[in-house]
């Protein structure tokens, strides 16, 4: 049994709505078979949603990282880098990480302390999609975002999030 969800969603200034804030923040609950891997905190859950979606198509390990942290503290810069399909999100050097690798019909999740869990591909995919959808619903309930400096980066972020979420949905149906 896997639980993966954002909690206490808010914008950086603590409000429930801020058109200038492009990143949703909140805590995270990640529990597998009663083992708590992530609990609480104040993370950039919008970046985490995208990073988690990326784990569905490629490994995230120390030697092949998708990002520095799957659950980053910050995500204060989004950039559209020519020649790259993925948006580049920059933040500080703080967050919570775990390795995620697909092995056959399972994902192997490894916590920094070495605890490991195997999760069926369909279960991890559903959990990631539900996490992503919860963050997306938070955006949908807020005023439209008004990026000041990161217009192209924010658009690439939204575009990548959308196509990765759609790709994940298609894999569940297959």
Protein backbone atom coordinates (compact mmCIF):
# COMPACT_ATOMS: atom_id res chain seq x y z
CA UNK A 1 0.00 0.00 0.00
CA UNK A 2 1.38 3.37 -1.02
CA UNK A 3 0.35 6.82 0.15
CA UNK A 4 1.79 9.79 -1.73
CA UNK A 5 0.11 13.14 -1.33
CA UNK A 6 0.80 16.82 -0.88
CA UNK A 7 -0.49 18.38 2.34
CA UNK A 8 -1.19 21.92 3.54
CA UNK A 9 -0.95 23.41 0.04
CA UNK A 10 -0.16 27.13 -0.06
CA UNK A 11 1.75 29.79 -1.93
CA UNK A 12 5.12 30.92 -0.59
CA UNK A 13 3.73 33.85 1.40
CA UNK A 14 1.36 31.47 3.18
CA UNK A 15 -1.73 32.61 1.33
CA UNK A 16 -4.20 30.48 -0.56
CA UNK A 17 -3.85 32.68 -3.65
CA UNK A 18 -0.98 34.67 -5.13
CA UNK A 19 -0.87 35.38 -8.88
CA UNK A 20 2.85 36.22 -8.77
CA UNK A 21 3.90 32.99 -7.06
CA UNK A 22 4.44 30.32 -9.72
CA UNK A 23 5.24 27.45 -7.33
CA UNK A 24 2.86 25.58 -5.06
CA UNK A 25 4.27 24.67 -1.66
CA UNK A 26 3.25 22.23 1.04
CA UNK A 27 4.13 19.16 2.99
CA UNK A 28 4.44 15.67 1.58
CA UNK A 29 3.32 12.31 2.87
CA UNK A 30 5.03 9.30 1.34
CA UNK A 31 4.39 6.01 3.09
CA UNK A 32 4.83 2.49 1.73
CA UNK A 33 3.45 -0.48 3.64
CA UNK A 34 3.51 1.49 6.90
CA UNK A 35 7.07 2.77 6.44
CA UNK A 36 7.13 6.58 6.40
CA UNK A 37 9.68 7.86 3.87
CA UNK A 38 8.62 11.53 3.83
CA UNK A 39 6.39 13.27 6.35
CA UNK A 40 5.48 16.95 6.47
CA UNK A 41 7.97 19.65 5.63
CA UNK A 42 7.51 22.65 3.39
CA UNK A 43 8.51 21.69 -0.14
CA UNK A 44 7.95 23.02 -3.64
CA UNK A 45 5.31 20.44 -4.48
CA UNK A 46 4.73 21.76 -8.01
CA UNK A 47 8.34 20.95 -8.93
CA UNK A 48 8.02 17.66 -7.03
CA UNK A 49 4.95 16.75 -9.10
CA UNK A 50 6.91 17.24 -12.30
CA UNK A 51 9.97 15.39 -11.00
CA UNK A 52 7.82 12.46 -9.86
CA UNK A 53 6.22 12.31 -13.31
CA UNK A 54 9.72 12.16 -14.79
CA UNK A 55 10.47 9.07 -12.67
CA UNK A 56 7.83 7.20 -14.67
CA UNK A 57 9.99 7.30 -17.79
CA UNK A 58 13.56 7.37 -16.49
CA UNK A 59 15.53 6.48 -13.38
CA UNK A 60 16.40 8.94 -10.66
CA UNK A 61 19.61 7.85 -8.94
CA UNK A 62 22.66 9.50 -7.47
CA UNK A 63 24.60 8.63 -10.63
CA UNK A 64 21.73 9.56 -13.02
CA UNK A 65 19.73 12.28 -11.25
CA UNK A 66 16.60 13.85 -12.67
CA UNK A 67 17.17 16.66 -10.21
CA UNK A 68 19.01 17.24 -6.95
CA UNK A 69 15.94 16.49 -4.78
CA UNK A 70 12.62 14.89 -5.75
CA UNK A 71 11.02 17.06 -3.08
CA UNK A 72 12.92 20.37 -3.29
CA UNK A 73 12.74 23.18 -0.78
CA UNK A 74 12.78 25.83 -3.48
CA UNK A 75 12.10 26.23 -7.17
CA UNK A 76 12.61 29.94 -7.68
CA UNK A 77 13.76 29.83 -11.29
CA UNK A 78 12.28 28.07 -14.32
CA UNK A 79 14.16 28.16 -17.60
CA UNK A 80 13.49 27.03 -21.14
CA UNK A 81 16.91 25.77 -22.24
CA UNK A 82 17.31 25.44 -26.00
CA UNK A 83 17.74 21.84 -27.12
CA UNK A 84 16.21 20.34 -23.95
CA UNK A 85 12.72 18.86 -23.65
CA UNK A 86 12.67 19.35 -19.89
CA UNK A 87 12.28 22.66 -18.13
CA UNK A 88 15.21 23.55 -15.86
CA UNK A 89 14.06 24.41 -12.35
CA UNK A 90 16.63 25.96 -10.02
CA UNK A 91 16.31 26.21 -6.26
CA UNK A 92 18.42 26.00 -3.16
CA UNK A 93 20.46 22.98 -2.08
CA UNK A 94 17.89 21.63 0.35
CA UNK A 95 15.16 19.03 0.07
CA UNK A 96 14.29 15.37 0.48
CA UNK A 97 15.43 12.79 -1.99
CA UNK A 98 15.08 9.11 -2.75
CA UNK A 99 16.13 6.97 -5.67
CA UNK A 100 13.48 5.64 -8.03
CA UNK A 101 14.34 2.96 -10.60
CA UNK A 102 12.02 0.82 -12.70
CA UNK A 103 12.97 -2.86 -12.69
CA UNK A 104 10.62 -4.89 -14.85
CA UNK A 105 7.06 -4.45 -13.63
CA UNK A 106 8.11 -2.74 -10.38
CA UNK A 107 9.71 0.47 -9.18
CA UNK A 108 12.45 0.20 -6.57
CA UNK A 109 12.40 3.17 -4.20
CA UNK A 110 15.47 3.67 -2.02
CA UNK A 111 15.53 6.15 0.86
CA UNK A 112 18.78 7.99 1.71
CA UNK A 113 19.24 5.66 4.73
CA UNK A 114 19.08 2.60 2.45
CA UNK A 115 15.52 1.44 3.19
CA UNK A 116 14.05 -0.04 0.01
CA UNK A 117 10.56 -0.75 -1.22
CA UNK A 118 9.32 -2.40 -4.38
CA UNK A 119 6.10 -0.96 -5.78
CA UNK A 120 4.17 -2.25 -8.79
CA UNK A 121 4.52 0.04 -11.81
CA UNK A 122 0.78 0.64 -11.93
CA UNK A 123 0.67 1.53 -8.20
CA UNK A 124 3.57 3.99 -8.41
CA UNK A 125 2.13 5.51 -11.58
CA UNK A 126 -1.29 5.98 -9.97
CA UNK A 127 0.24 7.47 -6.81
CA UNK A 128 2.34 9.90 -8.84
CA UNK A 129 -0.67 10.88 -10.97
CA UNK A 130 -2.83 11.46 -7.89
CA UNK A 131 -0.08 13.63 -6.35
CA UNK A 132 0.21 15.58 -9.58
CA UNK A 133 -3.56 15.97 -9.86
CA UNK A 134 -3.84 17.28 -6.29
CA UNK A 135 -1.24 19.96 -6.99
CA UNK A 136 -2.89 20.76 -10.34
CA UNK A 137 -6.26 21.17 -8.60
CA UNK A 138 -4.64 23.67 -6.24
CA UNK A 139 -3.45 25.69 -9.25
CA UNK A 140 -6.90 25.45 -10.84
CA UNK A 141 -8.47 26.98 -7.72
CA UNK A 142 -6.11 29.97 -7.74
CA UNK A 143 -6.01 33.09 -9.83
CA UNK A 144 -4.13 32.79 -13.13
CA UNK A 145 -0.36 32.88 -12.67
CA UNK A 146 1.39 36.05 -13.82
CA UNK A 147 5.10 35.29 -14.29
CA UNK A 148 7.32 38.36 -14.16
CA UNK A 149 10.68 37.08 -15.40
CA UNK A 150 10.22 33.39 -16.09
CA UNK A 151 7.50 33.55 -18.77
CA UNK A 152 9.11 31.07 -21.19
CA UNK A 153 10.32 28.83 -18.37
CA UNK A 154 6.91 28.79 -16.71
CA UNK A 155 5.21 27.95 -20.00
CA UNK A 156 7.68 25.11 -20.57
CA UNK A 157 7.02 23.90 -17.02
CA UNK A 158 3.27 23.81 -17.65
CA UNK A 159 3.73 22.16 -21.03
CA UNK A 160 6.06 19.46 -19.73
CA UNK A 161 3.80 18.80 -16.74
CA UNK A 162 0.80 18.43 -19.06
CA UNK A 163 2.40 16.04 -21.55
CA UNK A 164 4.06 13.93 -18.87
CA UNK A 165 0.76 13.64 -16.98
CA UNK A 166 -1.02 12.66 -20.21
CA UNK A 167 1.70 10.10 -20.97
CA UNK A 168 1.29 8.63 -17.49
CA UNK A 169 -2.47 8.34 -17.96
CA UNK A 170 -1.95 6.53 -21.24
CA UNK A 171 0.43 4.06 -19.59
CA UNK A 172 -2.16 3.23 -16.91
CA UNK A 173 -4.75 2.49 -19.60
CA UNK A 174 -2.38 0.28 -21.61
